PDB file of all heavy atoms in Angstrom:
ATOM      1  N   ILE A   1     -13.596  -5.533 -54.805  1.00  0.00           N
ATOM      2  CA  ILE A   1     -14.440  -4.513 -54.119  1.00  0.00           C
ATOM      3  C   ILE A   1     -15.388  -3.897 -55.088  1.00  0.00           C
ATOM      4  O   ILE A   1     -16.569  -3.767 -54.747  1.00  0.00           O
ATOM      5  CB  ILE A   1     -13.431  -3.426 -53.564  1.00  0.00           C
ATOM      6  CG1 ILE A   1     -12.633  -3.946 -52.432  1.00  0.00           C
ATOM      7  CG2 ILE A   1     -14.255  -2.188 -53.176  1.00  0.00           C
ATOM      8  CD1 ILE A   1     -11.569  -3.000 -52.012  1.00  0.00           C
ATOM      9  N   GLU A   2     -14.964  -3.609 -56.267  1.00  0.00           N
ATOM     10  CA  GLU A   2     -15.860  -2.987 -57.248  1.00  0.00           C
ATOM     11  C   GLU A   2     -17.078  -3.807 -57.642  1.00  0.00           C
ATOM     12  O   GLU A   2     -18.160  -3.431 -57.768  1.00  0.00           O
ATOM     13  CB  GLU A   2     -15.147  -2.558 -58.555  1.00  0.00           C
ATOM     14  CG  GLU A   2     -15.899  -1.647 -59.547  1.00  0.00           C
ATOM     15  CD  GLU A   2     -16.493  -0.385 -58.849  1.00  0.00           C
ATOM     16  OE1 GLU A   2     -15.715   0.230 -57.948  1.00  0.00           O
ATOM     17  OE2 GLU A   2     -17.568   0.071 -59.213  1.00  0.00           O
ATOM     18  N   TYR A   3     -16.850  -5.148 -57.743  1.00  0.00           N
ATOM     19  CA  TYR A   3     -17.805  -6.157 -57.942  1.00  0.00           C
ATOM     20  C   TYR A   3     -18.878  -6.060 -56.853  1.00  0.00           C
ATOM     21  O   TYR A   3     -20.111  -6.033 -57.162  1.00  0.00           O
ATOM     22  CB  TYR A   3     -17.325  -7.538 -58.062  1.00  0.00           C
ATOM     23  CG  TYR A   3     -18.383  -8.585 -58.018  1.00  0.00           C
ATOM     24  CD1 TYR A   3     -19.053  -8.976 -59.214  1.00  0.00           C
ATOM     25  CD2 TYR A   3     -18.728  -9.263 -56.856  1.00  0.00           C
ATOM     26  CE1 TYR A   3     -20.008  -9.943 -59.192  1.00  0.00           C
ATOM     27  CE2 TYR A   3     -19.747 -10.238 -56.834  1.00  0.00           C
ATOM     28  CZ  TYR A   3     -20.354 -10.545 -58.017  1.00  0.00           C
ATOM     29  OH  TYR A   3     -21.357 -11.523 -57.943  1.00  0.00           O
ATOM     30  N   LEU A   4     -18.480  -6.021 -55.592  1.00  0.00           N
ATOM     31  CA  LEU A   4     -19.392  -5.998 -54.489  1.00  0.00           C
ATOM     32  C   LEU A   4     -20.113  -4.642 -54.470  1.00  0.00           C
ATOM     33  O   LEU A   4     -21.340  -4.626 -54.226  1.00  0.00           O
ATOM     34  CB  LEU A   4     -18.640  -6.177 -53.201  1.00  0.00           C
ATOM     35  CG  LEU A   4     -18.072  -7.567 -52.811  1.00  0.00           C
ATOM     36  CD1 LEU A   4     -17.090  -7.614 -51.734  1.00  0.00           C
ATOM     37  CD2 LEU A   4     -19.254  -8.501 -52.612  1.00  0.00           C
ATOM     38  N   LEU A   5     -19.433  -3.523 -54.720  1.00  0.00           N
ATOM     39  CA  LEU A   5     -20.062  -2.249 -54.744  1.00  0.00           C
ATOM     40  C   LEU A   5     -21.219  -2.120 -55.787  1.00  0.00           C
ATOM     41  O   LEU A   5     -22.329  -1.596 -55.549  1.00  0.00           O
ATOM     42  CB  LEU A   5     -19.130  -1.071 -54.820  1.00  0.00           C
ATOM     43  CG  LEU A   5     -18.086  -0.974 -53.717  1.00  0.00           C
ATOM     44  CD1 LEU A   5     -17.217   0.231 -54.043  1.00  0.00           C
ATOM     45  CD2 LEU A   5     -18.716  -0.898 -52.412  1.00  0.00           C
ATOM     46  N   ARG A   6     -20.876  -2.675 -57.036  1.00  0.00           N
ATOM     47  CA  ARG A   6     -21.845  -2.658 -58.038  1.00  0.00           C
ATOM     48  C   ARG A   6     -23.085  -3.576 -57.694  1.00  0.00           C
ATOM     49  O   ARG A   6     -24.182  -3.270 -58.050  1.00  0.00           O
ATOM     50  CB  ARG A   6     -21.282  -3.184 -59.337  1.00  0.00           C
ATOM     51  CG  ARG A   6     -20.286  -2.149 -60.005  1.00  0.00           C
ATOM     52  CD  ARG A   6     -20.148  -2.480 -61.461  1.00  0.00           C
ATOM     53  NE  ARG A   6     -19.750  -3.882 -61.667  1.00  0.00           N
ATOM     54  CZ  ARG A   6     -18.484  -4.358 -61.701  1.00  0.00           C
ATOM     55  NH1 ARG A   6     -17.482  -3.508 -61.609  1.00  0.00           N
ATOM     56  NH2 ARG A   6     -18.289  -5.679 -61.908  1.00  0.00           N
ATOM     57  N   ARG A   7     -22.773  -4.643 -57.022  1.00  0.00           N
ATOM     58  CA  ARG A   7     -23.846  -5.605 -56.532  1.00  0.00           C
ATOM     59  C   ARG A   7     -24.860  -4.895 -55.696  1.00  0.00           C
ATOM     60  O   ARG A   7     -26.038  -5.349 -55.666  1.00  0.00           O
ATOM     61  CB  ARG A   7     -23.126  -6.713 -55.842  1.00  0.00           C
ATOM     62  CG  ARG A   7     -24.060  -7.952 -55.526  1.00  0.00           C
ATOM     63  CD  ARG A   7     -23.261  -8.953 -54.687  1.00  0.00           C
ATOM     64  NE  ARG A   7     -23.849 -10.181 -54.529  1.00  0.00           N
ATOM     65  CZ  ARG A   7     -24.974 -10.483 -53.861  1.00  0.00           C
ATOM     66  NH1 ARG A   7     -25.571  -9.565 -53.185  1.00  0.00           N
ATOM     67  NH2 ARG A   7     -25.466 -11.704 -53.793  1.00  0.00           N
ATOM     68  N   SER A   8     -24.471  -3.920 -54.935  1.00  0.00           N
ATOM     69  CA  SER A   8     -25.421  -3.240 -54.043  1.00  0.00           C
ATOM     70  C   SER A   8     -26.494  -2.492 -54.724  1.00  0.00           C
ATOM     71  O   SER A   8     -27.598  -2.287 -54.231  1.00  0.00           O
ATOM     72  CB  SER A   8     -24.628  -2.260 -53.145  1.00  0.00           C
ATOM     73  OG  SER A   8     -24.271  -1.080 -53.898  1.00  0.00           O
ATOM     74  N   GLN A   9     -26.179  -2.017 -55.988  1.00  0.00           N
ATOM     75  CA  GLN A   9     -27.150  -1.209 -56.739  1.00  0.00           C
ATOM     76  C   GLN A   9     -27.620   0.025 -55.996  1.00  0.00           C
ATOM     77  O   GLN A   9     -28.751   0.503 -56.242  1.00  0.00           O
ATOM     78  CB  GLN A   9     -28.403  -2.077 -57.231  1.00  0.00           C
ATOM     79  CG  GLN A   9     -27.948  -3.240 -58.078  1.00  0.00           C
ATOM     80  CD  GLN A   9     -29.148  -3.938 -58.554  1.00  0.00           C
ATOM     81  OE1 GLN A   9     -30.224  -4.045 -58.020  1.00  0.00           O
ATOM     82  NE2 GLN A   9     -28.983  -4.648 -59.744  1.00  0.00           N
ATOM     83  N   ARG A  10     -26.780   0.606 -55.171  1.00  0.00           N
ATOM     84  CA  ARG A  10     -27.106   1.905 -54.505  1.00  0.00           C
ATOM     85  C   ARG A  10     -26.906   2.935 -55.518  1.00  0.00           C
ATOM     86  O   ARG A  10     -25.804   3.173 -56.060  1.00  0.00           O
ATOM     87  CB  ARG A  10     -26.216   2.071 -53.251  1.00  0.00           C
ATOM     88  CG  ARG A  10     -26.570   1.095 -52.160  1.00  0.00           C
ATOM     89  CD  ARG A  10     -25.739   1.489 -50.875  1.00  0.00           C
ATOM     90  NE  ARG A  10     -25.817   0.523 -49.788  1.00  0.00           N
ATOM     91  CZ  ARG A  10     -26.730   0.516 -48.943  1.00  0.00           C
ATOM     92  NH1 ARG A  10     -27.732   1.455 -48.930  1.00  0.00           N
ATOM     93  NH2 ARG A  10     -26.817  -0.414 -47.922  1.00  0.00           N
ATOM     94  N   ARG A  11     -27.903   3.798 -55.790  1.00  0.00           N
ATOM     95  CA  ARG A  11     -27.813   4.806 -56.778  1.00  0.00           C
ATOM     96  C   ARG A  11     -26.932   5.911 -56.353  1.00  0.00           C
ATOM     97  O   ARG A  11     -26.370   6.577 -57.220  1.00  0.00           O
ATOM     98  CB  ARG A  11     -29.257   5.274 -57.133  1.00  0.00           C
ATOM     99  CG  ARG A  11     -30.166   4.246 -57.746  1.00  0.00           C
ATOM    100  CD  ARG A  11     -31.520   4.767 -57.951  1.00  0.00           C
ATOM    101  NE  ARG A  11     -32.424   3.755 -58.531  1.00  0.00           N
ATOM    102  CZ  ARG A  11     -33.705   3.950 -58.837  1.00  0.00           C
ATOM    103  NH1 ARG A  11     -34.227   5.126 -58.614  1.00  0.00           N
ATOM    104  NH2 ARG A  11     -34.422   3.006 -59.317  1.00  0.00           N
ATOM    105  N   ASP A  12     -26.881   6.295 -55.112  1.00  0.00           N
ATOM    106  CA  ASP A  12     -26.130   7.422 -54.615  1.00  0.00           C
ATOM    107  C   ASP A  12     -24.736   7.053 -54.146  1.00  0.00           C
ATOM    108  O   ASP A  12     -23.949   7.963 -53.742  1.00  0.00           O
ATOM    109  CB  ASP A  12     -26.902   8.179 -53.529  1.00  0.00           C
ATOM    110  CG  ASP A  12     -27.354   7.183 -52.425  1.00  0.00           C
ATOM    111  OD1 ASP A  12     -26.977   5.954 -52.462  1.00  0.00           O
ATOM    112  OD2 ASP A  12     -28.029   7.559 -51.440  1.00  0.00           O
ATOM    113  N   ASP A  13     -24.368   5.868 -54.344  1.00  0.00           N
ATOM    114  CA  ASP A  13     -22.938   5.382 -53.924  1.00  0.00           C
ATOM    115  C   ASP A  13     -22.614   5.787 -52.536  1.00  0.00           C
ATOM    116  O   ASP A  13     -21.415   6.169 -52.236  1.00  0.00           O
ATOM    117  CB  ASP A  13     -21.952   6.016 -54.923  1.00  0.00           C
ATOM    118  CG  ASP A  13     -21.991   5.301 -56.300  1.00  0.00           C
ATOM    119  OD1 ASP A  13     -22.691   4.303 -56.321  1.00  0.00           O
ATOM    120  OD2 ASP A  13     -21.330   5.743 -57.192  1.00  0.00           O
ATOM    121  N   VAL A  14     -23.497   5.757 -51.570  1.00  0.00           N
ATOM    122  CA  VAL A  14     -23.240   5.894 -50.195  1.00  0.00           C
ATOM    123  C   VAL A  14     -24.034   4.865 -49.445  1.00  0.00           C
ATOM    124  O   VAL A  14     -25.058   4.345 -49.952  1.00  0.00           O
ATOM    125  CB  VAL A  14     -23.619   7.358 -49.634  1.00  0.00           C
ATOM    126  CG1 VAL A  14     -22.805   8.425 -50.409  1.00  0.00           C
ATOM    127  CG2 VAL A  14     -25.124   7.537 -49.826  1.00  0.00           C
ATOM    128  N   PHE A  15     -23.632   4.589 -48.208  1.00  0.00           N
ATOM    129  CA  PHE A  15     -24.375   3.615 -47.394  1.00  0.00           C
ATOM    130  C   PHE A  15     -24.444   4.163 -45.934  1.00  0.00           C
ATOM    131  O   PHE A  15     -23.576   4.894 -45.455  1.00  0.00           O
ATOM    132  CB  PHE A  15     -23.672   2.262 -47.405  1.00  0.00           C
ATOM    133  CG  PHE A  15     -22.342   2.158 -46.856  1.00  0.00           C
ATOM    134  CD1 PHE A  15     -22.128   1.723 -45.509  1.00  0.00           C
ATOM    135  CD2 PHE A  15     -21.230   2.431 -47.589  1.00  0.00           C
ATOM    136  CE1 PHE A  15     -20.885   1.658 -44.981  1.00  0.00           C
ATOM    137  CE2 PHE A  15     -19.956   2.335 -47.130  1.00  0.00           C
ATOM    138  CZ  PHE A  15     -19.739   1.952 -45.871  1.00  0.00           C
ATOM    139  N   PRO A  16     -25.517   3.741 -45.196  1.00  0.00           N
ATOM    140  CA  PRO A  16     -25.693   4.363 -43.861  1.00  0.00           C
ATOM    141  C   PRO A  16     -25.129   3.426 -42.775  1.00  0.00           C
ATOM    142  O   PRO A  16     -24.962   2.233 -42.926  1.00  0.00           O
ATOM    143  CB  PRO A  16     -27.211   4.379 -43.746  1.00  0.00           C
ATOM    144  CG  PRO A  16     -27.674   3.112 -44.528  1.00  0.00           C
ATOM    145  CD  PRO A  16     -26.718   3.045 -45.720  1.00  0.00           C
ATOM    146  N   ILE A  17     -24.659   4.083 -41.685  1.00  0.00           N
ATOM    147  CA  ILE A  17     -24.235   3.433 -40.487  1.00  0.00           C
ATOM    148  C   ILE A  17     -24.847   4.149 -39.317  1.00  0.00           C
ATOM    149  O   ILE A  17     -24.751   5.436 -39.270  1.00  0.00           O
ATOM    150  CB  ILE A  17     -22.708   3.383 -40.299  1.00  0.00           C
ATOM    151  CG1 ILE A  17     -22.031   2.690 -41.472  1.00  0.00           C
ATOM    152  CG2 ILE A  17     -22.338   2.592 -38.973  1.00  0.00           C
ATOM    153  CD1 ILE A  17     -20.545   2.609 -41.276  1.00  0.00           C
ATOM    154  N   ARG A  18     -25.566   3.453 -38.450  1.00  0.00           N
ATOM    155  CA  ARG A  18     -26.081   4.116 -37.236  1.00  0.00           C
ATOM    156  C   ARG A  18     -24.926   4.664 -36.300  1.00  0.00           C
ATOM    157  O   ARG A  18     -23.917   3.994 -36.213  1.00  0.00           O
ATOM    158  CB  ARG A  18     -26.976   3.243 -36.407  1.00  0.00           C
ATOM    159  CG  ARG A  18     -28.361   2.964 -36.995  1.00  0.00           C
ATOM    160  CD  ARG A  18     -29.173   2.074 -36.145  1.00  0.00           C
ATOM    161  NE  ARG A  18     -30.560   1.984 -36.582  1.00  0.00           N
ATOM    162  CZ  ARG A  18     -31.014   1.118 -37.424  1.00  0.00           C
ATOM    163  NH1 ARG A  18     -30.176   0.259 -38.056  1.00  0.00           N
ATOM    164  NH2 ARG A  18     -32.325   1.087 -37.859  1.00  0.00           N
ATOM    165  N   ARG A  19     -25.206   5.794 -35.688  1.00  0.00           N
ATOM    166  CA  ARG A  19     -24.192   6.413 -34.818  1.00  0.00           C
ATOM    167  C   ARG A  19     -23.868   5.482 -33.642  1.00  0.00           C
ATOM    168  O   ARG A  19     -22.770   5.513 -33.070  1.00  0.00           O
ATOM    169  CB  ARG A  19     -24.747   7.749 -34.200  1.00  0.00           C
ATOM    170  CG  ARG A  19     -23.727   8.431 -33.357  1.00  0.00           C
ATOM    171  CD  ARG A  19     -24.307   9.659 -32.720  1.00  0.00           C
ATOM    172  NE  ARG A  19     -24.478  10.806 -33.658  1.00  0.00           N
ATOM    173  CZ  ARG A  19     -25.164  11.932 -33.532  1.00  0.00           C
ATOM    174  NH1 ARG A  19     -25.845  11.993 -32.408  1.00  0.00           N
ATOM    175  NH2 ARG A  19     -25.145  12.785 -34.402  1.00  0.00           N
ATOM    176  N   GLU A  20     -24.792   4.536 -33.264  1.00  0.00           N
ATOM    177  CA  GLU A  20     -24.550   3.602 -32.199  1.00  0.00           C
ATOM    178  C   GLU A  20     -23.439   2.621 -32.461  1.00  0.00           C
ATOM    179  O   GLU A  20     -22.933   2.065 -31.555  1.00  0.00           O
ATOM    180  CB  GLU A  20     -25.904   2.813 -31.937  1.00  0.00           C
ATOM    181  CG  GLU A  20     -26.331   1.973 -33.005  1.00  0.00           C
ATOM    182  CD  GLU A  20     -27.807   1.452 -32.909  1.00  0.00           C
ATOM    183  OE1 GLU A  20     -28.541   2.143 -32.128  1.00  0.00           O
ATOM    184  OE2 GLU A  20     -28.145   0.458 -33.489  1.00  0.00           O
ATOM    185  N   PHE A  21     -22.989   2.552 -33.705  1.00  0.00           N
ATOM    186  CA  PHE A  21     -21.752   1.717 -34.005  1.00  0.00           C
ATOM    187  C   PHE A  21     -20.568   2.449 -33.329  1.00  0.00           C
ATOM    188  O   PHE A  21     -19.619   1.713 -32.985  1.00  0.00           O
ATOM    189  CB  PHE A  21     -21.583   1.702 -35.578  1.00  0.00           C
ATOM    190  CG  PHE A  21     -20.338   0.869 -35.956  1.00  0.00           C
ATOM    191  CD1 PHE A  21     -20.242  -0.450 -35.612  1.00  0.00           C
ATOM    192  CD2 PHE A  21     -19.305   1.460 -36.647  1.00  0.00           C
ATOM    193  CE1 PHE A  21     -19.129  -1.177 -36.032  1.00  0.00           C
ATOM    194  CE2 PHE A  21     -18.268   0.766 -37.028  1.00  0.00           C
ATOM    195  CZ  PHE A  21     -18.126  -0.546 -36.749  1.00  0.00           C
ATOM    196  N   ILE A  22     -20.589   3.767 -33.166  1.00  0.00           N
ATOM    197  CA  ILE A  22     -19.487   4.502 -32.598  1.00  0.00           C
ATOM    198  C   ILE A  22     -19.703   4.547 -31.062  1.00  0.00           C
ATOM    199  O   ILE A  22     -18.785   4.282 -30.257  1.00  0.00           O
ATOM    200  CB  ILE A  22     -19.422   5.933 -33.133  1.00  0.00           C
ATOM    201  CG1 ILE A  22     -19.455   5.950 -34.675  1.00  0.00           C
ATOM    202  CG2 ILE A  22     -18.264   6.632 -32.600  1.00  0.00           C
ATOM    203  CD1 ILE A  22     -18.374   5.255 -35.324  1.00  0.00           C
ATOM    204  N   ARG A  23     -20.898   4.884 -30.684  1.00  0.00           N
ATOM    205  CA  ARG A  23     -21.245   5.052 -29.279  1.00  0.00           C
ATOM    206  C   ARG A  23     -22.646   4.585 -29.004  1.00  0.00           C
ATOM    207  O   ARG A  23     -23.550   5.124 -29.727  1.00  0.00           O
ATOM    208  CB  ARG A  23     -21.008   6.495 -28.818  1.00  0.00           C
ATOM    209  CG  ARG A  23     -21.087   6.692 -27.321  1.00  0.00           C
ATOM    210  CD  ARG A  23     -20.154   7.815 -26.866  1.00  0.00           C
ATOM    211  NE  ARG A  23     -20.301   8.075 -25.422  1.00  0.00           N
ATOM    212  CZ  ARG A  23     -19.506   7.395 -24.583  1.00  0.00           C
ATOM    213  NH1 ARG A  23     -18.693   6.475 -24.941  1.00  0.00           N
ATOM    214  NH2 ARG A  23     -19.543   7.662 -23.248  1.00  0.00           N
ATOM    215  N   THR A  24     -22.925   3.799 -28.015  1.00  0.00           N
ATOM    216  CA  THR A  24     -24.250   3.134 -27.947  1.00  0.00           C
ATOM    217  C   THR A  24     -24.750   3.335 -26.577  1.00  0.00           C
ATOM    218  O   THR A  24     -24.004   3.691 -25.592  1.00  0.00           O
ATOM    219  CB  THR A  24     -24.057   1.669 -28.310  1.00  0.00           C
ATOM    220  OG1 THR A  24     -25.461   1.137 -28.368  1.00  0.00           O
ATOM    221  CG2 THR A  24     -23.396   0.821 -27.272  1.00  0.00           C
TER     222      THR A  24
END
């Protein structure tokens, strides 16, 4: 998991998901 997270190179250590994943 840590290998994959480092691979993302996201500086803020968060990622977005649209609300439509919950309700569309």
